[in-house]
Amino acid sequence: AGTRNIEGVIGLGAATDYLQHISFSKIQQYEKTLITYAL
């Protein structure tokens, strides 16, 4: 509905590419390290 959020979709695509480049498993592993530290 309405005018498409083109810049938002492009930004989400760039963010997705960036996260895939890092790799979701590395992000998850890093988060677990911080979660353990915070706990």
PDB file of all heavy atoms in Angstrom:
ATOM      1  N   ALA A   1       0.836  -1.200   0.000  1.00  0.00           N
ATOM      2  CA  ALA A   1       0.000   0.000   0.000  1.00  0.00           C
ATOM      3  C   ALA A   1       0.869   1.247   0.000  1.00  0.00           C
ATOM      4  O   ALA A   1       1.851   1.332   0.720  1.00  0.00           O
ATOM      5  CB  ALA A   1      -0.905  -0.005   1.223  1.00  0.00           C
ATOM      6  N   GLY A   2       0.507   2.214  -0.806  1.00  0.00           N
ATOM      7  CA  GLY A   2       1.212   3.485  -0.805  1.00  0.00           C
ATOM      8  C   GLY A   2       2.533   3.432  -1.552  1.00  0.00           C
ATOM      9  O   GLY A   2       2.857   2.474  -2.242  1.00  0.00           O
ATOM     10  N   THR A   3       3.286   4.510  -1.386  1.00  0.00           N
ATOM     11  CA  THR A   3       4.581   4.610  -2.050  1.00  0.00           C
ATOM     12  C   THR A   3       5.559   3.635  -1.420  1.00  0.00           C
ATOM     13  O   THR A   3       5.679   3.565  -0.198  1.00  0.00           O
ATOM     14  CB  THR A   3       5.122   6.054  -1.926  1.00  0.00           C
ATOM     15  OG1 THR A   3       4.141   6.940  -2.476  1.00  0.00           O
ATOM     16  CG2 THR A   3       6.435   6.209  -2.662  1.00  0.00           C
ATOM     17  N   ARG A   4       6.229   2.916  -2.248  1.00  0.00           N
ATOM     18  CA  ARG A   4       7.161   1.898  -1.735  1.00  0.00           C
ATOM     19  C   ARG A   4       8.340   2.549  -1.019  1.00  0.00           C
ATOM     20  O   ARG A   4       8.834   3.604  -1.408  1.00  0.00           O
ATOM     21  CB  ARG A   4       7.662   1.045  -2.890  1.00  0.00           C
ATOM     22  CG  ARG A   4       6.575   0.177  -3.456  1.00  0.00           C
ATOM     23  CD  ARG A   4       7.129  -0.754  -4.529  1.00  0.00           C
ATOM     24  NE  ARG A   4       6.111  -1.697  -4.916  1.00  0.00           N
ATOM     25  CZ  ARG A   4       5.538  -1.701  -6.111  1.00  0.00           C
ATOM     26  NH1 ARG A   4       5.898  -0.840  -7.026  1.00  0.00           N
ATOM     27  NH2 ARG A   4       4.616  -2.597  -6.393  1.00  0.00           N
ATOM     28  N   ASN A   5       8.808   1.862   0.016  1.00  0.00           N
ATOM     29  CA  ASN A   5       9.959   2.309   0.801  1.00  0.00           C
ATOM     30  C   ASN A   5      11.230   1.775   0.132  1.00  0.00           C
ATOM     31  O   ASN A   5      11.912   0.896   0.655  1.00  0.00           O
ATOM     32  CB  ASN A   5       9.815   1.791   2.239  1.00  0.00           C
ATOM     33  CG  ASN A   5      10.921   2.247   3.145  1.00  0.00           C
ATOM     34  OD1 ASN A   5      11.799   3.016   2.759  1.00  0.00           O
ATOM     35  ND2 ASN A   5      10.899   1.751   4.362  1.00  0.00           N
ATOM     36  N   ILE A   6      11.543   2.308  -1.030  1.00  0.00           N
ATOM     37  CA  ILE A   6      12.652   1.793  -1.836  1.00  0.00           C
ATOM     38  C   ILE A   6      13.973   1.887  -1.092  1.00  0.00           C
ATOM     39  O   ILE A   6      14.749   0.935  -1.046  1.00  0.00           O
ATOM     40  CB  ILE A   6      12.724   2.542  -3.190  1.00  0.00           C
ATOM     41  CG1 ILE A   6      11.448   2.265  -3.989  1.00  0.00           C
ATOM     42  CG2 ILE A   6      13.961   2.133  -3.980  1.00  0.00           C
ATOM     43  CD1 ILE A   6      11.243   3.195  -5.160  1.00  0.00           C
ATOM     44  N   GLU A   7      14.246   3.045  -0.490  1.00  0.00           N
ATOM     45  CA  GLU A   7      15.512   3.209   0.225  1.00  0.00           C
ATOM     46  C   GLU A   7      15.613   2.261   1.415  1.00  0.00           C
ATOM     47  O   GLU A   7      16.689   1.759   1.729  1.00  0.00           O
ATOM     48  CB  GLU A   7      15.716   4.665   0.667  1.00  0.00           C
ATOM     49  CG  GLU A   7      14.704   5.194   1.657  1.00  0.00           C
ATOM     50  CD  GLU A   7      13.368   5.636   1.061  1.00  0.00           C
ATOM     51  OE1 GLU A   7      13.140   5.504  -0.145  1.00  0.00           O
ATOM     52  OE2 GLU A   7      12.538   6.117   1.846  1.00  0.00           O
ATOM     53  N   GLY A   8      14.476   1.979   2.066  1.00  0.00           N
ATOM     54  CA  GLY A   8      14.484   1.029   3.178  1.00  0.00           C
ATOM     55  C   GLY A   8      14.803  -0.383   2.715  1.00  0.00           C
ATOM     56  O   GLY A   8      15.566  -1.107   3.349  1.00  0.00           O
ATOM     57  N   VAL A   9      14.220  -0.775   1.591  1.00  0.00           N
ATOM     58  CA  VAL A   9      14.469  -2.116   1.044  1.00  0.00           C
ATOM     59  C   VAL A   9      15.927  -2.250   0.613  1.00  0.00           C
ATOM     60  O   VAL A   9      16.572  -3.277   0.872  1.00  0.00           O
ATOM     61  CB  VAL A   9      13.499  -2.413  -0.120  1.00  0.00           C
ATOM     62  CG1 VAL A   9      13.871  -3.705  -0.823  1.00  0.00           C
ATOM     63  CG2 VAL A   9      12.065  -2.469   0.393  1.00  0.00           C
ATOM     64  N   ILE A  10      16.468  -1.213  -0.016  1.00  0.00           N
ATOM     65  CA  ILE A  10      17.882  -1.251  -0.414  1.00  0.00           C
ATOM     66  C   ILE A  10      18.767  -1.336   0.820  1.00  0.00           C
ATOM     67  O   ILE A  10      19.726  -2.115   0.868  1.00  0.00           O
ATOM     68  CB  ILE A  10      18.227  -0.018  -1.284  1.00  0.00           C
ATOM     69  CG1 ILE A  10      17.520  -0.128  -2.636  1.00  0.00           C
ATOM     70  CG2 ILE A  10      19.735   0.120  -1.462  1.00  0.00           C
ATOM     71  CD1 ILE A  10      17.570   1.137  -3.467  1.00  0.00           C
ATOM     72  N   GLY A  11      18.441  -0.553   1.862  1.00  0.00           N
ATOM     73  CA  GLY A  11      19.202  -0.604   3.111  1.00  0.00           C
ATOM     74  C   GLY A  11      19.114  -1.958   3.784  1.00  0.00           C
ATOM     75  O   GLY A  11      20.114  -2.480   4.292  1.00  0.00           O
ATOM     76  N   LEU A  12      17.924  -2.569   3.795  1.00  0.00           N
ATOM     77  CA  LEU A  12      17.768  -3.904   4.379  1.00  0.00           C
ATOM     78  C   LEU A  12      18.570  -4.924   3.581  1.00  0.00           C
ATOM     79  O   LEU A  12      19.213  -5.810   4.159  1.00  0.00           O
ATOM     80  CB  LEU A  12      16.292  -4.305   4.420  1.00  0.00           C
ATOM     81  CG  LEU A  12      15.989  -5.677   5.012  1.00  0.00           C
ATOM     82  CD1 LEU A  12      16.472  -5.793   6.451  1.00  0.00           C
ATOM     83  CD2 LEU A  12      14.497  -5.973   4.922  1.00  0.00           C
ATOM     84  N   GLY A  13      18.581  -4.782   2.264  1.00  0.00           N
ATOM     85  CA  GLY A  13      19.382  -5.683   1.427  1.00  0.00           C
ATOM     86  C   GLY A  13      20.861  -5.554   1.736  1.00  0.00           C
ATOM     87  O   GLY A  13      21.580  -6.556   1.844  1.00  0.00           O
ATOM     88  N   ALA A  14      21.343  -4.326   1.899  1.00  0.00           N
ATOM     89  CA  ALA A  14      22.761  -4.106   2.230  1.00  0.00           C
ATOM     90  C   ALA A  14      23.085  -4.680   3.604  1.00  0.00           C
ATOM     91  O   ALA A  14      24.139  -5.300   3.789  1.00  0.00           O
ATOM     92  CB  ALA A  14      23.084  -2.613   2.185  1.00  0.00           C
ATOM     93  N   ALA A  15      22.174  -4.495   4.561  1.00  0.00           N
ATOM     94  CA  ALA A  15      22.396  -5.052   5.901  1.00  0.00           C
ATOM     95  C   ALA A  15      22.440  -6.580   5.853  1.00  0.00           C
ATOM     96  O   ALA A  15      23.289  -7.209   6.496  1.00  0.00           O
ATOM     97  CB  ALA A  15      21.303  -4.581   6.857  1.00  0.00           C
ATOM     98  N   THR A  16      21.548  -7.163   5.069  1.00  0.00           N
ATOM     99  CA  THR A  16      21.527  -8.624   4.929  1.00  0.00           C
ATOM    100  C   THR A  16      22.830  -9.130   4.306  1.00  0.00           C
ATOM    101  O   THR A  16      23.415 -10.106   4.785  1.00  0.00           O
ATOM    102  CB  THR A  16      20.317  -9.062   4.079  1.00  0.00           C
ATOM    103  OG1 THR A  16      19.129  -8.599   4.706  1.00  0.00           O
ATOM    104  CG2 THR A  16      20.260 -10.567   3.929  1.00  0.00           C
ATOM    105  N   ASP A  17      23.291  -8.453   3.264  1.00  0.00           N
ATOM    106  CA  ASP A  17      24.566  -8.829   2.635  1.00  0.00           C
ATOM    107  C   ASP A  17      25.711  -8.746   3.647  1.00  0.00           C
ATOM    108  O   ASP A  17      26.563  -9.632   3.711  1.00  0.00           O
ATOM    109  CB  ASP A  17      24.873  -7.938   1.437  1.00  0.00           C
ATOM    110  CG  ASP A  17      23.938  -8.176   0.266  1.00  0.00           C
ATOM    111  OD1 ASP A  17      23.252  -9.225   0.241  1.00  0.00           O
ATOM    112  OD2 ASP A  17      23.886  -7.303  -0.629  1.00  0.00           O
ATOM    113  N   TYR A  18      25.736  -7.665   4.426  1.00  0.00           N
ATOM    114  CA  TYR A  18      26.786  -7.466   5.427  1.00  0.00           C
ATOM    115  C   TYR A  18      26.768  -8.594   6.468  1.00  0.00           C
ATOM    116  O   TYR A  18      27.818  -9.178   6.783  1.00  0.00           O
ATOM    117  CB  TYR A  18      26.591  -6.107   6.102  1.00  0.00           C
ATOM    118  CG  TYR A  18      27.541  -5.831   7.235  1.00  0.00           C
ATOM    119  CD1 TYR A  18      28.880  -5.555   6.994  1.00  0.00           C
ATOM    120  CD2 TYR A  18      27.094  -5.852   8.547  1.00  0.00           C
ATOM    121  CE1 TYR A  18      29.759  -5.304   8.036  1.00  0.00           C
ATOM    122  CE2 TYR A  18      27.967  -5.594   9.597  1.00  0.00           C
ATOM    123  CZ  TYR A  18      29.295  -5.325   9.340  1.00  0.00           C
ATOM    124  OH  TYR A  18      30.154  -5.081  10.374  1.00  0.00           O
ATOM    125  N   LEU A  19      25.588  -8.916   6.974  1.00  0.00           N
ATOM    126  CA  LEU A  19      25.482  -9.976   7.988  1.00  0.00           C
ATOM    127  C   LEU A  19      25.856 -11.339   7.410  1.00  0.00           C
ATOM    128  O   LEU A  19      26.504 -12.145   8.076  1.00  0.00           O
ATOM    129  CB  LEU A  19      24.077 -10.006   8.578  1.00  0.00           C
ATOM    130  CG  LEU A  19      23.693  -8.776   9.408  1.00  0.00           C
ATOM    131  CD1 LEU A  19      22.228  -8.852   9.825  1.00  0.00           C
ATOM    132  CD2 LEU A  19      24.596  -8.625  10.611  1.00  0.00           C
ATOM    133  N   GLN A  20      25.468 -11.596   6.172  1.00  0.00           N
ATOM    134  CA  GLN A  20      25.843 -12.860   5.541  1.00  0.00           C
ATOM    135  C   GLN A  20      27.355 -12.934   5.331  1.00  0.00           C
ATOM    136  O   GLN A  20      27.949 -14.003   5.450  1.00  0.00           O
ATOM    137  CB  GLN A  20      25.102 -13.049   4.219  1.00  0.00           C
ATOM    138  CG  GLN A  20      23.650 -13.392   4.427  1.00  0.00           C
ATOM    139  CD  GLN A  20      22.893 -13.517   3.121  1.00  0.00           C
ATOM    140  OE1 GLN A  20      23.185 -12.836   2.137  1.00  0.00           O
ATOM    141  NE2 GLN A  20      21.893 -14.391   3.107  1.00  0.00           N
ATOM    142  N   HIS A  21      27.970 -11.799   5.030  1.00  0.00           N
ATOM    143  CA  HIS A  21      29.425 -11.756   4.856  1.00  0.00           C
ATOM    144  C   HIS A  21      30.130 -12.127   6.177  1.00  0.00           C
ATOM    145  O   HIS A  21      31.105 -12.872   6.171  1.00  0.00           O
ATOM    146  CB  HIS A  21      29.855 -10.373   4.377  1.00  0.00           C
ATOM    147  CG  HIS A  21      31.338 -10.207   4.286  1.00  0.00           C
ATOM    148  ND1 HIS A  21      32.086 -10.765   3.274  1.00  0.00           N
ATOM    149  CD2 HIS A  21      32.210  -9.561   5.094  1.00  0.00           C
ATOM    150  CE1 HIS A  21      33.365 -10.475   3.459  1.00  0.00           C
ATOM    151  NE2 HIS A  21      33.458  -9.735   4.557  1.00  0.00           N
ATOM    152  N   ILE A  22      29.635 -11.589   7.281  1.00  0.00           N
ATOM    153  CA  ILE A  22      30.211 -11.931   8.591  1.00  0.00           C
ATOM    154  C   ILE A  22      29.931 -13.398   8.908  1.00  0.00           C
ATOM    155  O   ILE A  22      30.788 -14.086   9.430  1.00  0.00           O
ATOM    156  CB  ILE A  22      29.637 -11.031   9.696  1.00  0.00           C
ATOM    157  CG1 ILE A  22      30.064  -9.584   9.469  1.00  0.00           C
ATOM    158  CG2 ILE A  22      30.087 -11.499  11.077  1.00  0.00           C
ATOM    159  CD1 ILE A  22      29.391  -8.589  10.387  1.00  0.00           C
ATOM    160  N   SER A  23      28.749 -13.842   8.632  1.00  0.00           N
ATOM    161  CA  SER A  23      28.185 -15.174   8.838  1.00  0.00           C
ATOM    162  C   SER A  23      27.392 -15.212  10.129  1.00  0.00           C
ATOM    163  O   SER A  23      27.839 -14.761  11.186  1.00  0.00           O
ATOM    164  CB  SER A  23      29.222 -16.294   8.792  1.00  0.00           C
ATOM    165  OG  SER A  23      29.542 -16.800  10.040  1.00  0.00           O
ATOM    166  N   PHE A  24      26.186 -15.718   9.999  1.00  0.00           N
ATOM    167  CA  PHE A  24      25.281 -15.779  11.133  1.00  0.00           C
ATOM    168  C   PHE A  24      25.825 -16.670  12.244  1.00  0.00           C
ATOM    169  O   PHE A  24      25.603 -16.407  13.420  1.00  0.00           O
ATOM    170  CB  PHE A  24      23.888 -16.219  10.684  1.00  0.00           C
ATOM    171  CG  PHE A  24      23.183 -15.165   9.879  1.00  0.00           C
ATOM    172  CD1 PHE A  24      23.042 -15.306   8.511  1.00  0.00           C
ATOM    173  CD2 PHE A  24      22.687 -14.022  10.484  1.00  0.00           C
ATOM    174  CE1 PHE A  24      22.407 -14.325   7.760  1.00  0.00           C
ATOM    175  CE2 PHE A  24      22.049 -13.034   9.745  1.00  0.00           C
ATOM    176  CZ  PHE A  24      21.906 -13.191   8.378  1.00  0.00           C
ATOM    177  N   SER A  25      26.563 -17.706  11.895  1.00  0.00           N
ATOM    178  CA  SER A  25      27.122 -18.574  12.941  1.00  0.00           C
ATOM    179  C   SER A  25      28.189 -17.841  13.750  1.00  0.00           C
ATOM    180  O   SER A  25      28.269 -18.008  14.972  1.00  0.00           O
ATOM    181  CB  SER A  25      27.673 -19.877  12.348  1.00  0.00           C
ATOM    182  OG  SER A  25      28.730 -19.595  11.457  1.00  0.00           O
ATOM    183  N   LYS A  26      28.993 -17.007  13.097  1.00  0.00           N
ATOM    184  CA  LYS A  26      29.989 -16.216  13.839  1.00  0.00           C
ATOM    185  C   LYS A  26      29.313 -15.186  14.731  1.00  0.00           C
ATOM    186  O   LYS A  26      29.748 -14.951  15.861  1.00  0.00           O
ATOM    187  CB  LYS A  26      30.962 -15.530  12.879  1.00  0.00           C
ATOM    188  CG  LYS A  26      31.975 -16.467  12.275  1.00  0.00           C
ATOM    189  CD  LYS A  26      32.944 -15.705  11.391  1.00  0.00           C
ATOM    190  CE  LYS A  26      33.933 -16.666  10.744  1.00  0.00           C
ATOM    191  NZ  LYS A  26      34.832 -15.966   9.814  1.00  0.00           N
ATOM    192  N   ILE A  27      28.258 -14.574  14.226  1.00  0.00           N
ATOM    193  CA  ILE A  27      27.515 -13.605  15.030  1.00  0.00           C
ATOM    194  C   ILE A  27      26.916 -14.292  16.248  1.00  0.00           C
ATOM    195  O   ILE A  27      27.025 -13.802  17.376  1.00  0.00           O
ATOM    196  CB  ILE A  27      26.421 -12.915  14.189  1.00  0.00           C
ATOM    197  CG1 ILE A  27      27.046 -12.067  13.088  1.00  0.00           C
ATOM    198  CG2 ILE A  27      25.499 -12.072  15.076  1.00  0.00           C
ATOM    199  CD1 ILE A  27      26.067 -11.572  12.050  1.00  0.00           C
ATOM    200  N   GLN A  28      26.319 -15.455  16.035  1.00  0.00           N
ATOM    201  CA  GLN A  28      25.717 -16.210  17.136  1.00  0.00           C
ATOM    202  C   GLN A  28      26.777 -16.604  18.168  1.00  0.00           C
ATOM    203  O   GLN A  28      26.560 -16.469  19.375  1.00  0.00           O
ATOM    204  CB  GLN A  28      24.996 -17.446  16.602  1.00  0.00           C
ATOM    205  CG  GLN A  28      24.262 -18.216  17.676  1.00  0.00           C
ATOM    206  CD  GLN A  28      23.535 -19.423  17.105  1.00  0.00           C
ATOM    207  OE1 GLN A  28      23.917 -19.969  16.079  1.00  0.00           O
ATOM    208  NE2 GLN A  28      22.488 -19.840  17.780  1.00  0.00           N
ATOM    209  N   GLN A  29      27.917 -17.059  17.704  1.00  0.00           N
ATOM    210  CA  GLN A  29      29.005 -17.452  18.606  1.00  0.00           C
ATOM    211  C   GLN A  29      29.491 -16.246  19.411  1.00  0.00           C
ATOM    212  O   GLN A  29      29.699 -16.336  20.621  1.00  0.00           O
ATOM    213  CB  GLN A  29      30.149 -18.064  17.797  1.00  0.00           C
ATOM    214  CG  GLN A  29      31.292 -18.556  18.620  1.00  0.00           C
ATOM    215  CD  GLN A  29      32.397 -19.124  17.733  1.00  0.00           C
ATOM    216  OE1 GLN A  29      32.525 -18.794  16.557  1.00  0.00           O
ATOM    217  NE2 GLN A  29      33.212 -20.003  18.307  1.00  0.00           N
ATOM    218  N   TYR A  30      29.645 -15.106  18.757  1.00  0.00           N
ATOM    219  CA  TYR A  30      30.094 -13.896  19.436  1.00  0.00           C
ATOM    220  C   TYR A  30      29.059 -13.449  20.476  1.00  0.00           C
ATOM    221  O   TYR A  30      29.406 -13.095  21.601  1.00  0.00           O
ATOM    222  CB  TYR A  30      30.361 -12.777  18.421  1.00  0.00           C
ATOM    223  CG  TYR A  30      30.881 -11.516  19.056  1.00  0.00           C
ATOM    224  CD1 TYR A  30      32.162 -11.467  19.600  1.00  0.00           C
ATOM    225  CD2 TYR A  30      30.099 -10.371  19.124  1.00  0.00           C
ATOM    226  CE1 TYR A  30      32.644 -10.301  20.187  1.00  0.00           C
ATOM    227  CE2 TYR A  30      30.574  -9.212  19.708  1.00  0.00           C
ATOM    228  CZ  TYR A  30      31.846  -9.180  20.245  1.00  0.00           C
ATOM    229  OH  TYR A  30      32.318  -8.040  20.831  1.00  0.00           O
ATOM    230  N   GLU A  31      27.782 -13.495  20.089  1.00  0.00           N
ATOM    231  CA  GLU A  31      26.727 -13.132  21.030  1.00  0.00           C
ATOM    232  C   GLU A  31      26.735 -14.047  22.250  1.00  0.00           C
ATOM    233  O   GLU A  31      26.565 -13.576  23.376  1.00  0.00           O
ATOM    234  CB  GLU A  31      25.357 -13.191  20.354  1.00  0.00           C
ATOM    235  CG  GLU A  31      25.013 -11.950  19.589  1.00  0.00           C
ATOM    236  CD  GLU A  31      23.554 -11.951  19.138  1.00  0.00           C
ATOM    237  OE1 GLU A  31      22.674 -12.421  19.887  1.00  0.00           O
ATOM    238  OE2 GLU A  31      23.309 -11.467  18.026  1.00  0.00           O
ATOM    239  N   LYS A  32      26.922 -15.341  22.049  1.00  0.00           N
ATOM    240  CA  LYS A  32      26.962 -16.285  23.179  1.00  0.00           C
ATOM    241  C   LYS A  32      28.091 -15.924  24.141  1.00  0.00           C
ATOM    242  O   LYS A  32      27.928 -16.004  25.358  1.00  0.00           O
ATOM    243  CB  LYS A  32      27.124 -17.730  22.693  1.00  0.00           C
ATOM    244  CG  LYS A  32      25.887 -18.318  22.100  1.00  0.00           C
ATOM    245  CD  LYS A  32      24.841 -18.579  23.150  1.00  0.00           C
ATOM    246  CE  LYS A  32      23.644 -19.263  22.523  1.00  0.00           C
ATOM    247  NZ  LYS A  32      22.478 -19.225  23.382  1.00  0.00           N
ATOM    248  N   THR A  33      29.231 -15.514  23.590  1.00  0.00           N
ATOM    249  CA  THR A  33      30.357 -15.090  24.440  1.00  0.00           C
ATOM    250  C   THR A  33      29.952 -13.892  25.285  1.00  0.00           C
ATOM    251  O   THR A  33      30.205 -13.853  26.498  1.00  0.00           O
ATOM    252  CB  THR A  33      31.581 -14.747  23.573  1.00  0.00           C
ATOM    253  OG1 THR A  33      31.960 -15.905  22.830  1.00  0.00           O
ATOM    254  CG2 THR A  33      32.749 -14.271  24.412  1.00  0.00           C
ATOM    255  N   LEU A  34      29.312 -12.899  24.651  1.00  0.00           N
ATOM    256  CA  LEU A  34      28.880 -11.717  25.391  1.00  0.00           C
ATOM    257  C   LEU A  34      27.753 -12.032  26.371  1.00  0.00           C
ATOM    258  O   LEU A  34      27.713 -11.480  27.478  1.00  0.00           O
ATOM    259  CB  LEU A  34      28.437 -10.613  24.425  1.00  0.00           C
ATOM    260  CG  LEU A  34      29.515  -9.968  23.572  1.00  0.00           C
ATOM    261  CD1 LEU A  34      28.909  -8.884  22.686  1.00  0.00           C
ATOM    262  CD2 LEU A  34      30.632  -9.398  24.419  1.00  0.00           C
ATOM    263  N   ILE A  35      26.850 -12.911  25.989  1.00  0.00           N
ATOM    264  CA  ILE A  35      25.757 -13.308  26.882  1.00  0.00           C
ATOM    265  C   ILE A  35      26.325 -13.952  28.144  1.00  0.00           C
ATOM    266  O   ILE A  35      25.933 -13.618  29.269  1.00  0.00           O
ATOM    267  CB  ILE A  35      24.768 -14.252  26.162  1.00  0.00           C
ATOM    268  CG1 ILE A  35      23.981 -13.484  25.103  1.00  0.00           C
ATOM    269  CG2 ILE A  35      23.831 -14.934  27.163  1.00  0.00           C
ATOM    270  CD1 ILE A  35      23.208 -14.367  24.131  1.00  0.00           C
ATOM    271  N   THR A  36      27.272 -14.869  27.975  1.00  0.00           N
ATOM    272  CA  THR A  36      27.904 -15.527  29.119  1.00  0.00           C
ATOM    273  C   THR A  36      28.598 -14.499  30.003  1.00  0.00           C
ATOM    274  O   THR A  36      28.484 -14.538  31.233  1.00  0.00           O
ATOM    275  CB  THR A  36      28.903 -16.599  28.636  1.00  0.00           C
ATOM    276  OG1 THR A  36      28.190 -17.568  27.857  1.00  0.00           O
ATOM    277  CG2 THR A  36      29.597 -17.282  29.793  1.00  0.00           C
ATOM    278  N   TYR A  37      29.292 -13.564  29.392  1.00  0.00           N
ATOM    279  CA  TYR A  37      29.992 -12.510  30.137  1.00  0.00           C
ATOM    280  C   TYR A  37      28.991 -11.647  30.908  1.00  0.00           C
ATOM    281  O   TYR A  37      29.199 -11.324  32.083  1.00  0.00           O
ATOM    282  CB  TYR A  37      30.810 -11.662  29.158  1.00  0.00           C
ATOM    283  CG  TYR A  37      31.777 -10.720  29.808  1.00  0.00           C
ATOM    284  CD1 TYR A  37      33.012 -11.165  30.275  1.00  0.00           C
ATOM    285  CD2 TYR A  37      31.478  -9.367  29.950  1.00  0.00           C
ATOM    286  CE1 TYR A  37      33.919 -10.294  30.871  1.00  0.00           C
ATOM    287  CE2 TYR A  37      32.375  -8.486  30.537  1.00  0.00           C
ATOM    288  CZ  TYR A  37      33.591  -8.962  30.997  1.00  0.00           C
ATOM    289  OH  TYR A  37      34.483  -8.098  31.585  1.00  0.00           O
ATOM    290  N   ALA A  38      27.889 -11.287  30.265  1.00  0.00           N
ATOM    291  CA  ALA A  38      26.865 -10.462  30.918  1.00  0.00           C
ATOM    292  C   ALA A  38      26.179 -11.224  32.041  1.00  0.00           C
ATOM    293  O   ALA A  38      25.921 -10.660  33.115  1.00  0.00           O
ATOM    294  CB  ALA A  38      25.841  -9.976  29.890  1.00  0.00           C
ATOM    295  N   LEU A  39      25.885 -12.491  31.816  1.00  0.00           N
ATOM    296  CA  LEU A  39      25.259 -13.286  32.879  1.00  0.00           C
ATOM    297  C   LEU A  39      26.167 -13.379  34.104  1.00  0.00           C
ATOM    298  O   LEU A  39      25.696 -13.292  35.241  1.00  0.00           O
ATOM    299  CB  LEU A  39      24.904 -14.685  32.364  1.00  0.00           C
ATOM    300  CG  LEU A  39      23.717 -14.763  31.411  1.00  0.00           C
ATOM    301  CD1 LEU A  39      23.617 -16.160  30.802  1.00  0.00           C
ATOM    302  CD2 LEU A  39      22.424 -14.378  32.120  1.00  0.00           C
TER     303      LEU A  39
END
